[in-house]
Amino acid sequence: MTGRGRRLAACFGLAALALTACGKKAPPVAPEQRAPQPVGDLTGAVYEDTIVLSWTPPLRRADNTRIRDFTVMRIFRVDDAGAGEPKSAMLADGKVGGYDELVTIRGAEPAPAVFRGARLEYTDRKGLTYGRRYTYVALAGDTLGRIGPPSRRVSVHYAPAPAEPENLVVEPRESAVRLSWGAPPQLVDGSAITEPLKYQVLRAPSPDADLAAVSAPLSETTFTDSRLENDHAYYYAVRALRTVSGTTIYGRPTARLVATPQDVTPPSAPGNLVAIPSEGAVRLSWTPSPEPDVAEYIVYRAPVGGGFERIGSVAVPATTYLDRTAARGTYRYVVTAQDKAARPNESARSNEVRVTVP
């Protein structure tokens, strides 16, 4: 084969490879299939004098592939008098037609929104007026400018919140705290309360930690928070809730009060106390108390006709004691158990034994 023929054969071979490689390519993905999925869980509620929106940023695209970069979130709002259906949300030129854009939230620094776990939370304070209905829509986009469909609409009826409940009292119990309070006197705008309120108990593990709800909305004005850790301080507040046209309105919380549950239950008394005297000493033994929080056993001695006095103690798991301070004479002995509480609880006395030291 001539040199020219070899060159032609090589060219045809490369063309064939190119055609074969092209045949293996997947079909191109339509741009709308690469846009983020819509936000599916947008919620809104009134907290005091603001409207708080919450949602989970989408993690997948319309074709169900994962989004590798943080989604750009844009929130839109429209308001009306609350009659009929709110304005429909239609995407037009990258915006929601007829809605005002409130905020754009970008990247790993979402301020003014904040993360609450996996959800983003945005607080709307812009030009809110009592008696108006505010409808919100969220758009999700990626860093290449592809925009997904609008979220479902969320409408919030903006109305005055209840003032804080009155006369909050917290009472520590064993592994529990009991709270009681009175109804708020009025709404925050000074108007009268005309419908039944509900209440939510809030708790924090420290004075400056965020409060979190520990109860579903309550109709009663008392609540017992159970299954708590004894000797640990808990900080409580209570707020009132009202519902207006389907919108939950959370009132201002009370000032925080602290309560520390305490162990106030003494252990069972030790049993089967036995005393064996010898010259200058008395050896005592007993059956242990069954409670797991017993810290020590306390030994008491009394002369015949006299009162008991503490003469010593032994730490768990010991159940014996040697009294080397007993002179000749007759004595009575008892033993008690004491637990590990911050303010230790002491059990009732064991059975009493009498011995004579030779």
Protein backbone atom coordinates (compact mmCIF):
# COMPACT_ATOMS: atom_id res chain seq x y z
CA MET A 1 0.00 0.00 0.00
CA THR A 2 1.30 3.42 -0.93
CA GLY A 3 1.91 6.11 1.69
CA ARG A 4 -1.17 7.98 0.48
CA GLY A 5 -3.28 4.83 0.82
CA ARG A 6 -2.08 4.28 4.36
CA ARG A 7 -2.99 7.85 5.24
CA LEU A 8 -6.52 7.43 3.81
CA ALA A 9 -7.02 4.16 5.70
CA ALA A 10 -5.97 5.81 8.95
CA CYS A 11 -8.42 8.67 8.40
CA PHE A 12 -11.28 6.27 7.69
CA GLY A 13 -10.39 4.32 10.83
CA LEU A 14 -10.47 7.45 12.98
CA ALA A 15 -13.80 8.45 11.48
CA ALA A 16 -15.23 5.02 12.26
CA LEU A 17 -14.04 5.27 15.87
CA ALA A 18 -15.57 8.71 16.18
CA LEU A 19 -18.88 7.45 14.83
CA THR A 20 -18.78 4.50 17.22
CA ALA A 21 -18.00 6.75 20.19
CA CYS A 22 -20.78 9.14 19.25
CA GLY A 23 -23.19 6.23 19.14
CA LYS A 24 -22.46 5.49 22.83
CA LYS A 25 -23.33 8.96 24.12
CA ALA A 26 -26.47 9.33 26.25
CA PRO A 27 -29.13 11.67 24.90
CA PRO A 28 -28.77 15.26 26.17
CA VAL A 29 -30.75 16.22 29.28
CA ALA A 30 -33.30 18.98 28.84
CA PRO A 31 -32.42 22.08 30.91
CA GLU A 32 -35.69 21.92 32.87
CA GLN A 33 -34.76 18.39 33.99
CA ARG A 34 -31.58 19.76 35.59
CA ALA A 35 -33.39 22.44 37.59
CA PRO A 36 -33.96 21.81 41.33
CA GLN A 37 -37.13 20.15 42.49
CA PRO A 38 -39.68 22.54 44.08
CA VAL A 39 -39.74 23.13 47.83
CA GLY A 40 -42.34 20.71 49.16
CA ASP A 41 -42.77 21.66 52.82
CA LEU A 42 -42.99 25.45 53.09
CA THR A 43 -44.82 26.48 56.28
CA GLY A 44 -45.64 29.82 57.91
CA ALA A 45 -46.86 31.03 61.29
CA VAL A 46 -47.04 34.27 63.29
CA TYR A 47 -44.57 34.58 66.17
CA GLU A 48 -45.33 37.68 68.26
CA ASP A 49 -45.13 40.48 65.65
CA THR A 50 -43.36 38.60 62.84
CA ILE A 51 -44.15 35.89 60.29
CA VAL A 52 -41.73 32.97 60.37
CA LEU A 53 -41.31 30.77 57.28
CA SER A 54 -39.66 27.36 57.40
CA TRP A 55 -38.74 24.84 54.71
CA THR A 56 -36.25 22.16 53.65
CA PRO A 57 -34.05 23.14 50.68
CA PRO A 58 -34.42 20.61 47.84
CA LEU A 59 -31.58 18.10 47.59
CA ARG A 60 -32.43 16.72 44.14
CA ARG A 61 -33.07 17.97 40.63
CA ALA A 62 -36.16 17.35 38.53
CA ASP A 63 -34.47 14.26 37.03
CA ASN A 64 -33.91 12.99 40.62
CA THR A 65 -30.12 13.42 40.52
CA ARG A 66 -28.52 14.95 43.60
CA ILE A 67 -27.72 18.67 43.76
CA ARG A 68 -24.05 18.97 44.61
CA ASP A 69 -23.97 22.71 45.30
CA PHE A 70 -26.14 24.54 47.80
CA THR A 71 -29.42 25.70 46.33
CA VAL A 72 -30.18 29.40 45.87
CA MET A 73 -33.52 30.15 47.55
CA ARG A 74 -35.78 33.11 46.66
CA ILE A 75 -38.88 33.99 48.66
CA PHE A 76 -41.81 35.92 47.11
CA ARG A 77 -44.82 37.50 48.85
CA VAL A 78 -48.18 39.04 48.01
CA ASP A 79 -50.81 40.36 50.44
CA ASP A 80 -54.56 40.88 50.26
CA ALA A 81 -57.64 41.29 52.45
CA GLY A 82 -58.05 37.53 52.84
CA ALA A 83 -61.19 36.97 50.76
CA GLY A 84 -61.31 34.03 48.35
CA GLU A 85 -58.35 32.13 46.97
CA PRO A 86 -54.94 33.81 47.18
CA LYS A 87 -53.23 34.85 43.96
CA SER A 88 -51.95 31.95 41.86
CA ALA A 89 -48.19 31.45 41.62
CA MET A 90 -46.95 31.29 38.04
CA LEU A 91 -43.27 31.34 37.04
CA ALA A 92 -42.53 34.10 34.53
CA ASP A 93 -39.06 35.30 33.51
CA GLY A 94 -37.49 33.71 36.57
CA LYS A 95 -39.95 35.32 38.99
CA VAL A 96 -43.40 34.64 40.42
CA GLY A 97 -45.82 36.80 38.51
CA GLY A 98 -47.66 39.39 40.64
CA TYR A 99 -45.55 38.65 43.76
CA ASP A 100 -42.84 40.81 45.33
CA GLU A 101 -39.44 39.25 45.93
CA LEU A 102 -38.57 39.43 49.63
CA VAL A 103 -35.15 37.86 49.93
CA THR A 104 -32.52 35.77 48.17
CA ILE A 105 -30.65 33.21 50.27
CA ARG A 106 -27.35 31.98 48.93
CA GLY A 107 -24.72 29.34 49.56
CA ALA A 108 -23.22 28.25 52.85
CA GLU A 109 -23.99 31.64 54.44
CA PRO A 110 -27.80 31.78 54.36
CA ALA A 111 -28.26 34.96 56.42
CA PRO A 112 -30.78 36.49 56.99
CA ALA A 113 -32.22 32.97 57.10
CA VAL A 114 -30.89 30.48 59.68
CA PHE A 115 -30.69 26.71 59.74
CA ARG A 116 -32.76 24.85 62.33
CA GLY A 117 -31.47 21.35 61.80
CA ALA A 118 -32.08 20.49 58.14
CA ARG A 119 -34.65 23.26 57.69
CA LEU A 120 -34.13 26.90 56.79
CA GLU A 121 -36.04 29.56 58.71
CA TYR A 122 -36.68 33.13 57.57
CA THR A 123 -38.37 35.82 59.64
CA ASP A 124 -40.45 38.36 57.72
CA ARG A 125 -40.79 41.78 59.40
CA LYS A 126 -41.32 43.93 56.31
CA GLY A 127 -44.37 46.20 56.42
CA LEU A 128 -46.77 43.76 58.09
CA THR A 129 -50.29 45.02 58.85
CA TYR A 130 -52.85 43.39 61.12
CA GLY A 131 -55.84 42.03 59.24
CA ARG A 132 -53.97 41.31 56.01
CA ARG A 133 -53.34 37.89 54.48
CA TYR A 134 -49.77 37.27 53.33
CA THR A 135 -49.12 34.53 50.79
CA TYR A 136 -45.61 33.18 50.21
CA VAL A 137 -43.95 31.14 47.47
CA ALA A 138 -40.38 29.79 47.36
CA LEU A 139 -38.23 29.28 44.28
CA ALA A 140 -35.13 27.07 44.23
CA GLY A 141 -32.30 27.65 41.77
CA ASP A 142 -28.77 26.36 41.32
CA THR A 143 -25.55 28.26 40.79
CA LEU A 144 -25.91 27.94 36.99
CA GLY A 145 -29.15 29.93 37.07
CA ARG A 146 -31.54 27.02 36.49
CA ILE A 147 -34.79 27.68 38.37
CA GLY A 148 -37.22 25.02 39.56
CA PRO A 149 -41.02 25.28 39.74
CA PRO A 150 -42.65 27.42 42.47
CA SER A 151 -43.39 25.79 45.82
CA ARG A 152 -46.97 25.43 46.95
CA ARG A 153 -48.43 28.67 48.28
CA VAL A 154 -48.56 29.25 52.03
CA SER A 155 -50.98 31.89 53.34
CA VAL A 156 -50.68 33.48 56.77
CA HIS A 157 -53.39 35.66 58.33
CA TYR A 158 -51.53 38.31 60.31
CA ALA A 159 -53.28 39.13 63.59
CA PRO A 160 -52.24 40.26 67.10
CA ALA A 161 -50.61 37.60 69.28
CA PRO A 162 -51.55 36.97 72.90
CA ALA A 163 -49.55 38.72 75.59
CA GLU A 164 -47.47 36.47 77.83
CA PRO A 165 -49.26 34.28 80.41
CA GLU A 166 -49.26 35.55 83.98
CA ASN A 167 -47.92 34.21 87.29
CA LEU A 168 -45.82 31.32 86.03
CA VAL A 169 -44.82 28.98 88.87
CA VAL A 170 -42.38 26.07 88.55
CA GLU A 171 -42.20 23.45 91.30
CA PRO A 172 -39.41 20.83 91.30
CA ARG A 173 -40.48 17.25 91.95
CA GLU A 174 -38.62 13.97 91.81
CA SER A 175 -37.49 13.51 88.16
CA ALA A 176 -40.12 16.07 87.18
CA VAL A 177 -41.14 19.75 87.26
CA ARG A 178 -44.74 20.92 87.65
CA LEU A 179 -45.71 24.23 86.01
CA SER A 180 -48.79 26.38 86.48
CA TRP A 181 -49.74 29.79 85.08
CA GLY A 182 -52.61 32.18 84.44
CA ALA A 183 -54.14 33.30 81.16
CA PRO A 184 -52.75 36.46 79.50
CA PRO A 185 -54.86 39.56 80.20
CA GLN A 186 -55.10 40.74 76.57
CA LEU A 187 -53.59 40.63 73.09
CA VAL A 188 -50.35 42.49 72.39
CA ASP A 189 -52.21 45.37 70.72
CA GLY A 190 -54.31 45.87 73.86
CA SER A 191 -57.49 44.34 72.45
CA ALA A 192 -59.55 41.78 74.35
CA ILE A 193 -59.16 38.03 73.96
CA THR A 194 -62.39 36.66 72.52
CA GLU A 195 -61.58 33.00 71.84
CA PRO A 196 -60.12 30.11 73.87
CA LEU A 197 -56.34 30.06 73.94
CA LYS A 198 -53.91 27.20 74.04
CA TYR A 199 -50.49 27.08 75.67
CA GLN A 200 -47.06 25.69 74.89
CA VAL A 201 -44.42 24.86 77.49
CA LEU A 202 -40.83 25.71 76.50
CA ARG A 203 -37.62 24.42 78.07
CA ALA A 204 -33.90 25.12 77.79
CA PRO A 205 -30.92 23.34 79.37
CA SER A 206 -29.16 26.59 80.34
CA PRO A 207 -30.05 30.28 80.84
CA ASP A 208 -28.82 31.36 77.39
CA ALA A 209 -29.75 28.29 75.31
CA ASP A 210 -32.64 28.36 72.84
CA LEU A 211 -36.03 27.40 74.22
CA ALA A 212 -37.67 24.34 72.66
CA ALA A 213 -41.24 23.13 72.98
CA VAL A 214 -41.71 20.18 75.34
CA SER A 215 -45.49 19.96 74.99
CA ALA A 216 -48.11 19.96 72.29
CA PRO A 217 -50.55 22.88 72.57
CA LEU A 218 -52.45 22.58 75.86
CA SER A 219 -55.91 23.76 76.85
CA GLU A 220 -55.06 23.50 80.56
CA THR A 221 -52.93 25.94 82.53
CA THR A 222 -50.87 23.26 84.30
CA PHE A 223 -48.28 20.81 83.01
CA THR A 224 -45.88 18.28 84.55
CA ASP A 225 -42.62 17.75 82.69
CA SER A 226 -41.56 14.20 83.55
CA ARG A 227 -38.58 11.88 83.04
CA LEU A 228 -36.07 14.55 83.94
CA GLU A 229 -32.61 14.15 85.43
CA ASN A 230 -32.48 14.84 89.14
CA ASP A 231 -30.09 17.55 90.39
CA HIS A 232 -29.96 19.17 86.92
CA ALA A 233 -31.30 22.71 86.39
CA TYR A 234 -33.97 23.27 83.71
CA TYR A 235 -35.18 26.65 82.46
CA TYR A 236 -38.85 27.10 81.55
CA ALA A 237 -41.16 29.59 79.86
CA VAL A 238 -44.76 29.37 78.64
CA ARG A 239 -46.45 31.11 75.72
CA ALA A 240 -50.06 31.36 74.63
CA LEU A 241 -51.35 30.47 71.16
CA ARG A 242 -54.39 31.55 69.21
CA THR A 243 -55.71 30.45 65.80
CA VAL A 244 -57.07 32.93 63.27
CA SER A 245 -58.44 31.67 59.92
CA GLY A 246 -56.24 28.59 60.13
CA THR A 247 -53.06 30.48 61.08
CA THR A 248 -51.35 29.66 64.38
CA ILE A 249 -50.23 32.79 66.22
CA TYR A 250 -47.62 32.28 68.94
CA GLY A 251 -47.54 34.82 71.75
CA ARG A 252 -44.65 36.27 73.67
CA PRO A 253 -43.08 33.78 76.13
CA THR A 254 -42.93 34.50 79.84
CA ALA A 255 -39.64 35.26 81.53
CA ARG A 256 -37.62 32.11 82.22
CA LEU A 257 -37.79 30.38 85.57
CA VAL A 258 -35.42 27.68 86.75
CA ALA A 259 -36.26 24.46 88.55
CA THR A 260 -34.05 21.58 89.68
CA PRO A 261 -35.71 18.18 90.16
CA GLN A 262 -34.51 16.38 93.27
CA ASP A 263 -34.38 12.80 94.48
CA VAL A 264 -36.48 12.79 97.64
CA THR A 265 -37.06 9.04 97.96
CA PRO A 266 -34.85 7.31 100.55
CA PRO A 267 -33.53 3.83 99.90
CA SER A 268 -34.89 0.76 101.67
CA ALA A 269 -33.48 0.01 105.09
CA PRO A 270 -30.68 -2.56 105.33
CA GLY A 271 -31.86 -5.90 106.68
CA ASN A 272 -30.76 -8.80 108.86
CA LEU A 273 -28.32 -6.84 111.02
CA VAL A 274 -26.12 -9.16 113.08
CA ALA A 275 -23.61 -8.15 115.80
CA ILE A 276 -20.81 -10.40 117.08
CA PRO A 277 -18.98 -9.06 120.18
CA SER A 278 -15.38 -9.78 121.11
CA GLU A 279 -12.99 -8.26 123.63
CA GLY A 280 -12.80 -4.54 122.83
CA ALA A 281 -14.73 -4.76 119.53
CA VAL A 282 -18.07 -5.55 117.88
CA ARG A 283 -18.33 -6.87 114.34
CA LEU A 284 -21.52 -5.93 112.45
CA SER A 285 -22.89 -7.33 109.17
CA TRP A 286 -26.15 -6.79 107.28
CA THR A 287 -28.03 -7.41 104.03
CA PRO A 288 -27.62 -4.55 101.48
CA SER A 289 -30.42 -2.27 100.37
CA PRO A 290 -31.57 -3.17 96.82
CA GLU A 291 -31.60 0.33 95.28
CA PRO A 292 -28.80 1.05 92.75
CA ASP A 293 -28.22 4.61 94.01
CA VAL A 294 -27.11 3.65 97.54
CA ALA A 295 -23.81 5.37 98.32
CA GLU A 296 -23.01 4.29 101.88
CA TYR A 297 -24.23 2.67 105.08
CA ILE A 298 -24.23 4.58 108.37
CA VAL A 299 -23.72 2.82 111.71
CA TYR A 300 -25.35 4.02 114.93
CA ARG A 301 -24.69 2.87 118.52
CA ALA A 302 -26.47 3.52 121.80
CA PRO A 303 -25.88 2.48 125.40
CA VAL A 304 -28.71 0.70 127.11
CA GLY A 305 -31.31 3.37 127.92
CA GLY A 306 -29.51 6.03 125.85
CA GLY A 307 -29.96 7.59 122.40
CA PHE A 308 -28.30 6.49 119.19
CA GLU A 309 -25.21 8.31 117.91
CA ARG A 310 -23.45 7.92 114.59
CA ILE A 311 -20.13 6.15 115.02
CA GLY A 312 -19.07 5.51 111.43
CA SER A 313 -19.94 4.58 107.86
CA VAL A 314 -18.80 2.33 105.02
CA ALA A 315 -19.06 2.90 101.27
CA VAL A 316 -20.99 0.55 98.99
CA PRO A 317 -20.54 -2.36 98.36
CA ALA A 318 -19.25 -3.07 101.89
CA THR A 319 -21.85 -4.57 104.26
CA THR A 320 -19.69 -5.05 107.36
CA TYR A 321 -18.32 -2.72 110.05
CA LEU A 322 -15.92 -3.29 112.94
CA ASP A 323 -16.55 -1.11 116.00
CA ARG A 324 -13.24 -0.88 117.88
CA THR A 325 -14.39 1.86 120.25
CA ALA A 326 -16.78 -0.26 122.31
CA ALA A 327 -15.61 -0.58 125.93
CA ARG A 328 -17.02 -3.23 128.26
CA GLY A 329 -20.75 -3.01 128.54
CA THR A 330 -24.02 -3.54 126.70
CA TYR A 331 -24.85 -1.71 123.47
CA ARG A 332 -27.56 -1.44 120.87
CA TYR A 333 -26.80 -1.03 117.12
CA VAL A 334 -28.73 -0.04 113.98
CA VAL A 335 -27.63 0.68 110.39
CA THR A 336 -29.16 2.95 107.71
CA ALA A 337 -28.55 3.40 103.95
CA GLN A 338 -27.89 6.76 102.31
CA ASP A 339 -28.20 7.50 98.58
CA LYS A 340 -26.17 9.58 96.08
CA ALA A 341 -28.58 12.52 95.75
CA ALA A 342 -27.23 16.06 95.97
CA ARG A 343 -29.16 16.25 99.22
CA PRO A 344 -28.71 12.64 100.34
CA ASN A 345 -31.75 10.71 101.50
CA GLU A 346 -31.31 8.39 104.49
CA SER A 347 -33.33 5.23 104.92
CA ALA A 348 -35.22 4.04 107.94
CA ARG A 349 -33.22 2.06 110.50
CA SER A 350 -32.44 -1.59 110.16
CA ASN A 351 -33.50 -4.05 112.81
CA GLU A 352 -31.92 -3.28 116.19
CA VAL A 353 -29.43 -5.67 117.80
CA ARG A 354 -28.10 -5.75 121.39
CA VAL A 355 -24.72 -7.12 122.42
CA THR A 356 -22.52 -7.18 125.53
CA VAL A 357 -18.81 -6.54 125.15
CA PRO A 358 -16.77 -8.62 127.62
